């Protein structure tokens, strides 16, 4: 089973209840598994700024990041793969910081 098989018909990946120790790895694997042109909606309990920085560092020019909604404990962003990945992506779990 790949990470994208966990996406429902709404393409939502809700990680609010997933421990930070595995959250980033799951999100990154979901992105890696996408075909160019596909997207998913990431739903998180806080603004995923560290994750966006990680995407910018590891996948420059291959994604778009659009806010869907932003509430105090519920943030959703649409992540679309717009370019092919080069080389083997580093799917490494990262901490969510102090969240």
C-alpha atoms as a PDB file:
ATOM      1  CA  UNK A   1       0.000   0.000   0.000  1.00  0.00           C
ATOM      2  CA  UNK A   2       1.309   3.432  -0.917  1.00  0.00           C
ATOM      3  CA  UNK A   3       0.609   6.638   0.908  1.00  0.00           C
ATOM      4  CA  UNK A   4      -1.695   7.823  -1.884  1.00  0.00           C
ATOM      5  CA  UNK A   5      -3.950   4.809  -1.383  1.00  0.00           C
ATOM      6  CA  UNK A   6      -4.827   6.415   1.958  1.00  0.00           C
ATOM      7  CA  UNK A   7      -6.381   9.351   0.117  1.00  0.00           C
ATOM      8  CA  UNK A   8     -10.139   9.313  -0.275  1.00  0.00           C
ATOM      9  CA  UNK A   9     -12.094  10.607  -3.265  1.00  0.00           C
ATOM     10  CA  UNK A  10     -11.714  14.140  -1.841  1.00  0.00           C
ATOM     11  CA  UNK A  11      -7.884  13.739  -2.073  1.00  0.00           C
ATOM     12  CA  UNK A  12      -7.654  14.728   1.629  1.00  0.00           C
ATOM     13  CA  UNK A  13      -4.787  13.588   3.858  1.00  0.00           C
ATOM     14  CA  UNK A  14      -5.807  14.465   7.419  1.00  0.00           C
ATOM     15  CA  UNK A  15      -2.741  14.224   9.663  1.00  0.00           C
ATOM     16  CA  UNK A  16      -4.115  16.046  12.714  1.00  0.00           C
ATOM     17  CA  UNK A  17      -4.151  12.865  14.819  1.00  0.00           C
ATOM     18  CA  UNK A  18      -0.898  11.367  13.479  1.00  0.00           C
ATOM     19  CA  UNK A  19       2.175  11.639  15.745  1.00  0.00           C
ATOM     20  CA  UNK A  20       4.791  14.122  14.565  1.00  0.00           C
ATOM     21  CA  UNK A  21       7.386  11.370  14.552  1.00  0.00           C
ATOM     22  CA  UNK A  22       5.809   9.879  11.407  1.00  0.00           C
ATOM     23  CA  UNK A  23       3.747  12.770  10.009  1.00  0.00           C
ATOM     24  CA  UNK A  24       6.344  14.386   7.738  1.00  0.00           C
ATOM     25  CA  UNK A  25       7.455  11.064   6.260  1.00  0.00           C
ATOM     26  CA  UNK A  26       3.849  10.170   5.415  1.00  0.00           C
ATOM     27  CA  UNK A  27       3.199  13.557   3.810  1.00  0.00           C
ATOM     28  CA  UNK A  28       6.376  13.425   1.756  1.00  0.00           C
ATOM     29  CA  UNK A  29       5.695   9.859   0.625  1.00  0.00           C
ATOM     30  CA  UNK A  30       2.187  10.915  -0.432  1.00  0.00           C
ATOM     31  CA  UNK A  31       3.726  13.672  -2.558  1.00  0.00           C
ATOM     32  CA  UNK A  32       6.363  11.362  -4.039  1.00  0.00           C
ATOM     33  CA  UNK A  33       3.659   8.836  -5.020  1.00  0.00           C
ATOM     34  CA  UNK A  34       1.681  11.443  -6.989  1.00  0.00           C
ATOM     35  CA  UNK A  35       1.846  11.594 -10.766  1.00  0.00           C
ATOM     36  CA  UNK A  36       2.700  14.976 -12.271  1.00  0.00           C
ATOM     37  CA  UNK A  37      -0.514  17.017 -12.324  1.00  0.00           C
ATOM     38  CA  UNK A  38      -2.065  15.246  -9.319  1.00  0.00           C
ATOM     39  CA  UNK A  39      -2.647  16.871  -5.949  1.00  0.00           C
ATOM     40  CA  UNK A  40      -3.737  16.196  -2.401  1.00  0.00           C
ATOM     41  CA  UNK A  41      -5.180  18.369   0.338  1.00  0.00           C
ATOM     42  CA  UNK A  42      -3.114  18.301   3.514  1.00  0.00           C
ATOM     43  CA  UNK A  43      -5.163  18.936   6.656  1.00  0.00           C
ATOM     44  CA  UNK A  44      -3.128  19.693   9.760  1.00  0.00           C
ATOM     45  CA  UNK A  45      -3.666  21.089  13.243  1.00  0.00           C
ATOM     46  CA  UNK A  46      -1.211  23.965  12.691  1.00  0.00           C
ATOM     47  CA  UNK A  47       0.401  25.908   9.880  1.00  0.00           C
ATOM     48  CA  UNK A  48       2.931  23.454   8.369  1.00  0.00           C
ATOM     49  CA  UNK A  49       5.651  26.055   7.793  1.00  0.00           C
ATOM     50  CA  UNK A  50       8.598  23.691   8.556  1.00  0.00           C
ATOM     51  CA  UNK A  51       7.149  21.179   6.087  1.00  0.00           C
ATOM     52  CA  UNK A  52       6.903  23.825   3.375  1.00  0.00           C
ATOM     53  CA  UNK A  53      10.554  24.756   3.943  1.00  0.00           C
ATOM     54  CA  UNK A  54      11.444  21.077   3.646  1.00  0.00           C
ATOM     55  CA  UNK A  55       9.523  20.817   0.348  1.00  0.00           C
ATOM     56  CA  UNK A  56      11.272  23.930  -0.971  1.00  0.00           C
ATOM     57  CA  UNK A  57      14.672  22.455  -0.099  1.00  0.00           C
ATOM     58  CA  UNK A  58      14.054  18.907  -1.344  1.00  0.00           C
ATOM     59  CA  UNK A  59      11.631  19.431  -4.254  1.00  0.00           C
ATOM     60  CA  UNK A  60      12.318  22.879  -5.753  1.00  0.00           C
ATOM     61  CA  UNK A  61      10.184  23.701  -8.774  1.00  0.00           C
ATOM     62  CA  UNK A  62       8.134  20.502  -8.576  1.00  0.00           C
ATOM     63  CA  UNK A  63       5.127  21.578  -6.496  1.00  0.00           C
ATOM     64  CA  UNK A  64       2.616  24.297  -5.806  1.00  0.00           C
ATOM     65  CA  UNK A  65       1.332  25.065  -2.301  1.00  0.00           C
ATOM     66  CA  UNK A  66      -2.066  26.770  -1.992  1.00  0.00           C
ATOM     67  CA  UNK A  67      -4.008  27.642   1.152  1.00  0.00           C
ATOM     68  CA  UNK A  68      -7.463  26.052   1.263  1.00  0.00           C
ATOM     69  CA  UNK A  69      -8.461  27.250   4.722  1.00  0.00           C
ATOM     70  CA  UNK A  70      -6.718  28.551   7.810  1.00  0.00           C
ATOM     71  CA  UNK A  71      -8.385  28.258  11.217  1.00  0.00           C
ATOM     72  CA  UNK A  72      -6.721  28.290  14.663  1.00  0.00           C
ATOM     73  CA  UNK A  73      -6.494  24.470  14.974  1.00  0.00           C
ATOM     74  CA  UNK A  74      -7.291  23.403  11.420  1.00  0.00           C
ATOM     75  CA  UNK A  75      -5.194  24.343   8.403  1.00  0.00           C
ATOM     76  CA  UNK A  76      -5.591  22.862   4.933  1.00  0.00           C
ATOM     77  CA  UNK A  77      -3.259  23.319   1.957  1.00  0.00           C
ATOM     78  CA  UNK A  78      -3.452  21.932  -1.559  1.00  0.00           C
ATOM     79  CA  UNK A  79      -0.135  20.451  -2.694  1.00  0.00           C
ATOM     80  CA  UNK A  80       0.126  19.762  -6.428  1.00  0.00           C
ATOM     81  CA  UNK A  81       2.999  18.002  -8.165  1.00  0.00           C
ATOM     82  CA  UNK A  82       3.858  20.147 -11.190  1.00  0.00           C
ATOM     83  CA  UNK A  83       7.166  18.579 -12.172  1.00  0.00           C
ATOM     84  CA  UNK A  84       8.938  15.243 -12.156  1.00  0.00           C
ATOM     85  CA  UNK A  85      11.284  14.493  -9.284  1.00  0.00           C
ATOM     86  CA  UNK A  86      14.936  13.935 -10.078  1.00  0.00           C
ATOM     87  CA  UNK A  87      17.013  11.423  -8.186  1.00  0.00           C
ATOM     88  CA  UNK A  88      15.871   9.354  -5.250  1.00  0.00           C
ATOM     89  CA  UNK A  89      13.823  11.487  -2.844  1.00  0.00           C
ATOM     90  CA  UNK A  90      14.915  11.473   0.764  1.00  0.00           C
ATOM     91  CA  UNK A  91      11.847  10.407   2.719  1.00  0.00           C
ATOM     92  CA  UNK A  92      13.084  11.058   6.203  1.00  0.00           C
ATOM     93  CA  UNK A  93      10.813  11.621   9.164  1.00  0.00           C
ATOM     94  CA  UNK A  94      11.248  15.100  10.560  1.00  0.00           C
ATOM     95  CA  UNK A  95      10.035  16.587  13.778  1.00  0.00           C
ATOM     96  CA  UNK A  96       7.142  19.030  13.737  1.00  0.00           C
ATOM     97  CA  UNK A  97       9.117  21.279  16.004  1.00  0.00           C
ATOM     98  CA  UNK A  98       7.229  22.410  19.089  1.00  0.00           C
ATOM     99  CA  UNK A  99       3.774  21.559  17.705  1.00  0.00           C
END
